[in-house]
Every structure is written in C-alpha cells, then in structure tokens.
Amino acid sequence: MNRRFALLALWAVLMAPLAGLWWQTASPDADLDALVADTGNWAMAWLAIAVVMTPLAKIWRPLARQLWLRRAVGLAAFAASLVHLWVYVLAMRGFAEPGGEWALIADEAFTPGILTGWIALALMLPPALASNDAAMRLLRRSWKPVQRLGLPAAAVALAHMAVVHDAFTLAMAVGGIVAGLQLVRFFPATRKV
C-alpha cells in the first residue's frame, strides 16, 4: 500500500465520526448546540494528537516510523474545525431572522470565547495549506515553522473549548497532557545500551 493511499484512508477513518455528526444536522429535531460542542471536541482531539505525535515518538521509538501519518491527523483536525464552524453557523440560524445569522456571528465574533475559536482556525490554516508535497518542496526549511503553528493553535483552541463549551476540566486535562509531552522535546532521546 502506498503512502498516499494510507494517508487518505487514515483521513477517511478520522473523519468518519464527523460525517455522522454532519448527517445528524439534517434532522429537523437535531440539537445543534450539542453538535457544535461534539464537532469541536473531535477537532480538538485530532489537533491534540497531531501536536503530540513527535514527543510521543521520542518516548516510544516505534512511533517514529509512523510520523508521516501526522499530516492526515493534522488535516483531519482542520477539516473537523471547518465542520465545527459550519455547524456553528447552522446553530446561529436558529437564533436569527432568515439570512441574519451572519450579523449574529459578527456581533459575537470578538467576545473572548468566540474570538479564540477564530484565532485557532486562522492559526490552523497555514499548516493545512502547506500540508502537501508541492508546498513542502516550495517552502523547504520554512515549512517547519509553518507546521509549528499547530502548537499555538492547540493552546488557543483549548481556551476556546474551556470558555465556550463549558469544558474547563477537559480542556485542562488535554492541555496538561499536551504540555507535558511537549517538555519531552527538551530532553535527549534515550538509546538502547
């Protein structure tokens, strides 16, 4: 199996839960507020996994051979964030006059909880756009700093999760794990004796 097919297959598996949530939005009695939270939780899960794969590979060497899968996980995080945004827009339609959801979205765009979501999405955009072979060849060494935007995106997304979705405890737990694993980067890799 070639790597491109493996990446697409992994991405499809990671997006399967989001496809189910997307499908639920079509139901007239869908709880859109719950679906907004659920899609955001999936996006955060994939983003957290993407940013901890390198430190985990430092601890557990067999994972180092699988780091090329990070691209699919990161892209799934970005795609899940877009699904989260789409479901949020649908939820806002329920509170607005026909066609007025954009005015409501603009009104609350600069509240701290919502602003953190927009910032996280903006930080995820450059790595998502650079996550293809052509962009990586074009950017060369500049590609790495672009990909490192995933860490601040994760931090801001955790703040968004804590404030907007009343998931402070979950956000702190995920944040603690991500931060703890990032500390591994500062220690030399262990070697077999």
C-alpha atoms as a PDB file:
ATOM      1  CA  MET A   1       0.000   0.000   0.000  1.00  0.00           C
ATOM      2  CA  ASN A   2       1.494   3.342  -0.947  1.00  0.00           C
ATOM      3  CA  ARG A   3       1.713   6.244   1.480  1.00  0.00           C
ATOM      4  CA  ARG A   4      -0.725   8.475  -0.350  1.00  0.00           C
ATOM      5  CA  PHE A   5      -3.441   5.829  -0.162  1.00  0.00           C
ATOM      6  CA  ALA A   6      -2.621   5.210   3.521  1.00  0.00           C
ATOM      7  CA  LEU A   7      -2.924   8.935   4.262  1.00  0.00           C
ATOM      8  CA  LEU A   8      -6.284   9.132   2.500  1.00  0.00           C
ATOM      9  CA  ALA A   9      -7.525   6.012   4.277  1.00  0.00           C
ATOM     10  CA  LEU A  10      -6.454   7.331   7.680  1.00  0.00           C
ATOM     11  CA  TRP A  11      -8.028  10.702   6.940  1.00  0.00           C
ATOM     12  CA  ALA A  12     -11.299   8.997   5.978  1.00  0.00           C
ATOM     13  CA  VAL A  13     -11.283   6.980   9.216  1.00  0.00           C
ATOM     14  CA  LEU A  14     -10.592  10.110  11.275  1.00  0.00           C
ATOM     15  CA  MET A  15     -13.399  11.998   9.539  1.00  0.00           C
ATOM     16  CA  ALA A  16     -15.979   9.208   9.953  1.00  0.00           C
ATOM     17  CA  PRO A  17     -17.267  10.492  13.340  1.00  0.00           C
ATOM     18  CA  LEU A  18     -17.612  13.979  11.854  1.00  0.00           C
ATOM     19  CA  ALA A  19     -19.556  12.605   8.886  1.00  0.00           C
ATOM     20  CA  GLY A  20     -22.008  11.064  11.341  1.00  0.00           C
ATOM     21  CA  LEU A  21     -22.397  14.366  13.172  1.00  0.00           C
ATOM     22  CA  TRP A  22     -22.793  16.206   9.870  1.00  0.00           C
ATOM     23  CA  TRP A  23     -25.540  13.763   8.924  1.00  0.00           C
ATOM     24  CA  GLN A  24     -27.338  14.457  12.216  1.00  0.00           C
ATOM     25  CA  THR A  25     -27.586  18.173  11.385  1.00  0.00           C
ATOM     26  CA  ALA A  26     -30.044  17.310   8.606  1.00  0.00           C
ATOM     27  CA  SER A  27     -32.580  16.111  11.167  1.00  0.00           C
ATOM     28  CA  PRO A  28     -35.242  18.747  11.909  1.00  0.00           C
ATOM     29  CA  ASP A  29     -35.032  17.996  15.635  1.00  0.00           C
ATOM     30  CA  ALA A  30     -31.209  17.996  15.799  1.00  0.00           C
ATOM     31  CA  ASP A  31     -29.691  19.523  18.930  1.00  0.00           C
ATOM     32  CA  LEU A  32     -27.348  21.869  17.087  1.00  0.00           C
ATOM     33  CA  ASP A  33     -25.780  23.235  20.283  1.00  0.00           C
ATOM     34  CA  ALA A  34     -24.718  19.722  21.271  1.00  0.00           C
ATOM     35  CA  LEU A  35     -23.487  19.052  17.730  1.00  0.00           C
ATOM     36  CA  VAL A  36     -21.401  22.240  17.834  1.00  0.00           C
ATOM     37  CA  ALA A  37     -19.740  21.004  21.026  1.00  0.00           C
ATOM     38  CA  ASP A  38     -19.276  17.464  19.674  1.00  0.00           C
ATOM     39  CA  THR A  39     -17.665  18.608  16.425  1.00  0.00           C
ATOM     40  CA  GLY A  40     -15.375  20.927  18.382  1.00  0.00           C
ATOM     41  CA  ASN A  41     -14.347  18.080  20.685  1.00  0.00           C
ATOM     42  CA  TRP A  42     -13.412  15.905  17.706  1.00  0.00           C
ATOM     43  CA  ALA A  43     -11.430  18.763  16.153  1.00  0.00           C
ATOM     44  CA  MET A  44      -9.587  19.286  19.439  1.00  0.00           C
ATOM     45  CA  ALA A  45      -8.882  15.567  19.777  1.00  0.00           C
ATOM     46  CA  TRP A  46      -7.281  15.361  16.334  1.00  0.00           C
ATOM     47  CA  LEU A  47      -5.324  18.580  16.873  1.00  0.00           C
ATOM     48  CA  ALA A  48      -4.020  17.357  20.233  1.00  0.00           C
ATOM     49  CA  ILE A  49      -2.953  14.036  18.715  1.00  0.00           C
ATOM     50  CA  ALA A  50      -1.214  15.803  15.817  1.00  0.00           C
ATOM     51  CA  VAL A  51       0.873  18.009  18.121  1.00  0.00           C
ATOM     52  CA  VAL A  52       1.908  15.206  20.490  1.00  0.00           C
ATOM     53  CA  MET A  53       3.000  12.673  17.877  1.00  0.00           C
ATOM     54  CA  THR A  54       6.609  13.931  17.743  1.00  0.00           C
ATOM     55  CA  PRO A  55       7.161  13.961  21.527  1.00  0.00           C
ATOM     56  CA  LEU A  56       5.491  10.552  21.788  1.00  0.00           C
ATOM     57  CA  ALA A  57       7.830   9.242  19.093  1.00  0.00           C
ATOM     58  CA  LYS A  58      10.746  10.399  21.225  1.00  0.00           C
ATOM     59  CA  ILE A  59       9.443   8.322  24.126  1.00  0.00           C
ATOM     60  CA  TRP A  60       8.236   5.356  22.100  1.00  0.00           C
ATOM     61  CA  ARG A  61      10.597   4.762  19.183  1.00  0.00           C
ATOM     62  CA  PRO A  62       8.328   2.519  17.014  1.00  0.00           C
ATOM     63  CA  LEU A  63       6.052   5.542  16.539  1.00  0.00           C
ATOM     64  CA  ALA A  64       8.935   7.443  14.902  1.00  0.00           C
ATOM     65  CA  ARG A  65       8.485   5.351  11.751  1.00  0.00           C
ATOM     66  CA  GLN A  66       4.834   6.427  11.606  1.00  0.00           C
ATOM     67  CA  LEU A  67       5.311  10.207  11.924  1.00  0.00           C
ATOM     68  CA  TRP A  68       4.463  10.653   8.266  1.00  0.00           C
ATOM     69  CA  LEU A  69       0.841   9.976   9.330  1.00  0.00           C
ATOM     70  CA  ARG A  70       0.823  13.295  11.223  1.00  0.00           C
ATOM     71  CA  ARG A  71      -0.219  15.057   8.038  1.00  0.00           C
ATOM     72  CA  ALA A  72      -3.514  13.157   7.842  1.00  0.00           C
ATOM     73  CA  VAL A  73      -4.197  13.756  11.534  1.00  0.00           C
ATOM     74  CA  GLY A  74      -3.479  17.490  11.229  1.00  0.00           C
ATOM     75  CA  LEU A  75      -5.632  17.800   8.128  1.00  0.00           C
ATOM     76  CA  ALA A  76      -8.426  15.911   9.891  1.00  0.00           C
ATOM     77  CA  ALA A  77      -8.166  18.424  12.745  1.00  0.00           C
ATOM     78  CA  PHE A  78      -8.509  21.305  10.291  1.00  0.00           C
ATOM     79  CA  ALA A  79     -11.389  19.660   8.418  1.00  0.00           C
ATOM     80  CA  ALA A  80     -13.138  18.897  11.711  1.00  0.00           C
ATOM     81  CA  SER A  81     -12.708  22.568  12.654  1.00  0.00           C
ATOM     82  CA  LEU A  82     -14.415  23.559   9.416  1.00  0.00           C
ATOM     83  CA  VAL A  83     -17.273  21.157  10.176  1.00  0.00           C
ATOM     84  CA  HIS A  84     -17.437  22.707  13.673  1.00  0.00           C
ATOM     85  CA  LEU A  85     -17.684  26.170  12.090  1.00  0.00           C
ATOM     86  CA  TRP A  86     -20.381  25.017   9.669  1.00  0.00           C
ATOM     87  CA  VAL A  87     -22.491  23.509  12.472  1.00  0.00           C
ATOM     88  CA  TYR A  88     -21.996  26.735  14.470  1.00  0.00           C
ATOM     89  CA  VAL A  89     -23.382  28.736  11.518  1.00  0.00           C
ATOM     90  CA  LEU A  90     -26.364  26.356  11.349  1.00  0.00           C
ATOM     91  CA  ALA A  91     -26.949  26.795  15.076  1.00  0.00           C
ATOM     92  CA  MET A  92     -26.844  30.586  14.704  1.00  0.00           C
ATOM     93  CA  ARG A  93     -29.554  30.357  12.039  1.00  0.00           C
ATOM     94  CA  GLY A  94     -31.877  29.110  14.766  1.00  0.00           C
ATOM     95  CA  PHE A  95     -31.443  32.396  16.652  1.00  0.00           C
ATOM     96  CA  ALA A  96     -31.648  34.777  13.699  1.00  0.00           C
ATOM     97  CA  GLU A  97     -34.144  36.134  11.267  1.00  0.00           C
ATOM     98  CA  PRO A  98     -33.830  34.495   7.837  1.00  0.00           C
ATOM     99  CA  GLY A  99     -30.412  35.424   6.449  1.00  0.00           C
ATOM    100  CA  GLY A 100     -29.427  37.196   9.672  1.00  0.00           C
ATOM    101  CA  GLU A 101     -27.088  34.568  11.091  1.00  0.00           C
ATOM    102  CA  TRP A 102     -24.060  36.440   9.713  1.00  0.00           C
ATOM    103  CA  ALA A 103     -24.996  39.554  11.671  1.00  0.00           C
ATOM    104  CA  LEU A 104     -25.264  37.457  14.846  1.00  0.00           C
ATOM    105  CA  ILE A 105     -21.933  35.796  14.125  1.00  0.00           C
ATOM    106  CA  ALA A 106     -20.311  39.195  13.545  1.00  0.00           C
ATOM    107  CA  ASP A 107     -21.837  40.543  16.780  1.00  0.00           C
ATOM    108  CA  GLU A 108     -20.269  37.841  18.914  1.00  0.00           C
ATOM    109  CA  ALA A 109     -17.073  37.370  16.881  1.00  0.00           C
ATOM    110  CA  PHE A 110     -14.987  39.473  19.258  1.00  0.00           C
ATOM    111  CA  THR A 111     -16.212  38.001  22.519  1.00  0.00           C
ATOM    112  CA  PRO A 112     -13.271  36.185  24.150  1.00  0.00           C
ATOM    113  CA  GLY A 113     -14.686  32.685  23.760  1.00  0.00           C
ATOM    114  CA  ILE A 114     -15.614  33.015  20.096  1.00  0.00           C
ATOM    115  CA  LEU A 115     -12.525  35.049  19.198  1.00  0.00           C
ATOM    116  CA  THR A 116     -10.317  32.227  20.445  1.00  0.00           C
ATOM    117  CA  GLY A 117     -12.067  29.880  18.021  1.00  0.00           C
ATOM    118  CA  TRP A 118     -11.470  32.225  15.091  1.00  0.00           C
ATOM    119  CA  ILE A 119      -7.803  32.640  16.087  1.00  0.00           C
ATOM    120  CA  ALA A 120      -7.311  28.872  16.386  1.00  0.00           C
ATOM    121  CA  LEU A 121      -8.857  28.342  12.952  1.00  0.00           C
ATOM    122  CA  ALA A 122      -6.662  31.098  11.461  1.00  0.00           C
ATOM    123  CA  LEU A 123      -3.552  29.510  13.013  1.00  0.00           C
ATOM    124  CA  MET A 124      -4.500  26.126  11.563  1.00  0.00           C
ATOM    125  CA  LEU A 125      -4.986  27.477   8.027  1.00  0.00           C
ATOM    126  CA  PRO A 126      -1.297  27.944   7.016  1.00  0.00           C
ATOM    127  CA  PRO A 127      -0.253  24.424   8.124  1.00  0.00           C
ATOM    128  CA  ALA A 128      -3.288  22.962   6.362  1.00  0.00           C
ATOM    129  CA  LEU A 129      -2.409  24.795   3.147  1.00  0.00           C
ATOM    130  CA  ALA A 130       1.247  23.737   3.463  1.00  0.00           C
ATOM    131  CA  SER A 131       0.443  20.069   4.100  1.00  0.00           C
ATOM    132  CA  ASN A 132       1.009  18.859   0.594  1.00  0.00           C
ATOM    133  CA  ASP A 133       4.158  17.734  -1.184  1.00  0.00           C
ATOM    134  CA  ALA A 134       4.280  20.708  -3.564  1.00  0.00           C
ATOM    135  CA  ALA A 135       4.008  23.277  -0.754  1.00  0.00           C
ATOM    136  CA  MET A 136       6.613  21.433   1.294  1.00  0.00           C
ATOM    137  CA  ARG A 137       9.032  21.454  -1.665  1.00  0.00           C
ATOM    138  CA  LEU A 138       8.338  25.137  -2.299  1.00  0.00           C
ATOM    139  CA  LEU A 139       8.766  26.178   1.352  1.00  0.00           C
ATOM    140  CA  ARG A 140      11.770  23.884   2.025  1.00  0.00           C
ATOM    141  CA  ARG A 141      13.072  24.664   5.519  1.00  0.00           C
ATOM    142  CA  SER A 142      10.426  27.351   6.018  1.00  0.00           C
ATOM    143  CA  TRP A 143       7.871  24.555   6.121  1.00  0.00           C
ATOM    144  CA  LYS A 144       8.774  23.591   9.703  1.00  0.00           C
ATOM    145  CA  PRO A 145       7.865  26.954  11.322  1.00  0.00           C
ATOM    146  CA  VAL A 146       4.563  26.876   9.433  1.00  0.00           C
ATOM    147  CA  GLN A 147       3.797  23.416  10.833  1.00  0.00           C
ATOM    148  CA  ARG A 148       4.730  24.575  14.343  1.00  0.00           C
ATOM    149  CA  LEU A 149       1.698  26.878  14.275  1.00  0.00           C
ATOM    150  CA  GLY A 150      -0.177  23.772  15.383  1.00  0.00           C
ATOM    151  CA  LEU A 151       1.031  24.263  18.966  1.00  0.00           C
ATOM    152  CA  PRO A 152      -0.329  27.792  19.459  1.00  0.00           C
ATOM    153  CA  ALA A 153      -3.463  26.720  17.570  1.00  0.00           C
ATOM    154  CA  ALA A 154      -3.929  23.903  20.089  1.00  0.00           C
ATOM    155  CA  ALA A 155      -3.412  26.263  23.034  1.00  0.00           C
ATOM    156  CA  VAL A 156      -5.942  28.781  21.717  1.00  0.00           C
ATOM    157  CA  ALA A 157      -8.391  26.015  20.766  1.00  0.00           C
ATOM    158  CA  LEU A 158      -8.173  24.676  24.328  1.00  0.00           C
ATOM    159  CA  ALA A 159      -9.030  28.148  25.640  1.00  0.00           C
ATOM    160  CA  HIS A 160     -11.978  28.240  23.234  1.00  0.00           C
ATOM    161  CA  MET A 161     -13.107  24.812  24.398  1.00  0.00           C
ATOM    162  CA  ALA A 162     -12.879  25.811  28.057  1.00  0.00           C
ATOM    163  CA  VAL A 163     -14.740  29.110  27.707  1.00  0.00           C
ATOM    164  CA  VAL A 164     -17.386  28.448  25.083  1.00  0.00           C
ATOM    165  CA  HIS A 165     -18.204  24.814  25.620  1.00  0.00           C
ATOM    166  CA  ASP A 166     -18.005  24.819  29.417  1.00  0.00           C
ATOM    167  CA  ALA A 167     -15.361  22.123  29.237  1.00  0.00           C
ATOM    168  CA  PHE A 168     -12.766  23.664  31.537  1.00  0.00           C
ATOM    169  CA  THR A 169     -11.829  20.375  33.201  1.00  0.00           C
ATOM    170  CA  LEU A 170     -11.484  18.556  29.888  1.00  0.00           C
ATOM    171  CA  ALA A 171      -9.513  21.439  28.370  1.00  0.00           C
ATOM    172  CA  MET A 172      -7.142  21.494  31.360  1.00  0.00           C
ATOM    173  CA  ALA A 173      -6.639  17.713  31.190  1.00  0.00           C
ATOM    174  CA  VAL A 174      -5.893  17.767  27.458  1.00  0.00           C
ATOM    175  CA  GLY A 175      -3.731  20.873  27.880  1.00  0.00           C
ATOM    176  CA  GLY A 176      -1.763  19.234  30.671  1.00  0.00           C
ATOM    177  CA  ILE A 177      -1.082  16.130  28.590  1.00  0.00           C
ATOM    178  CA  VAL A 178      -0.076  18.167  25.540  1.00  0.00           C
ATOM    179  CA  ALA A 179       2.165  20.489  27.588  1.00  0.00           C
ATOM    180  CA  GLY A 180       3.737  17.595  29.465  1.00  0.00           C
ATOM    181  CA  LEU A 181       4.538  15.759  26.269  1.00  0.00           C
ATOM    182  CA  GLN A 182       5.959  18.916  24.694  1.00  0.00           C
ATOM    183  CA  LEU A 183       8.505  19.022  27.543  1.00  0.00           C
ATOM    184  CA  VAL A 184       9.905  15.738  26.206  1.00  0.00           C
ATOM    185  CA  ARG A 185      11.314  17.718  23.272  1.00  0.00           C
ATOM    186  CA  PHE A 186      13.859  19.301  25.630  1.00  0.00           C
ATOM    187  CA  PHE A 187      15.335  16.013  26.857  1.00  0.00           C
ATOM    188  CA  PRO A 188      17.800  13.912  24.869  1.00  0.00           C
ATOM    189  CA  ALA A 189      16.390  10.816  23.220  1.00  0.00           C
ATOM    190  CA  THR A 190      17.061   7.594  25.069  1.00  0.00           C
ATOM    191  CA  ARG A 191      19.268   4.990  23.433  1.00  0.00           C
ATOM    192  CA  LYS A 192      19.461   1.264  23.839  1.00  0.00           C
ATOM    193  CA  VAL A 193      22.555   0.075  25.674  1.00  0.00           C
END
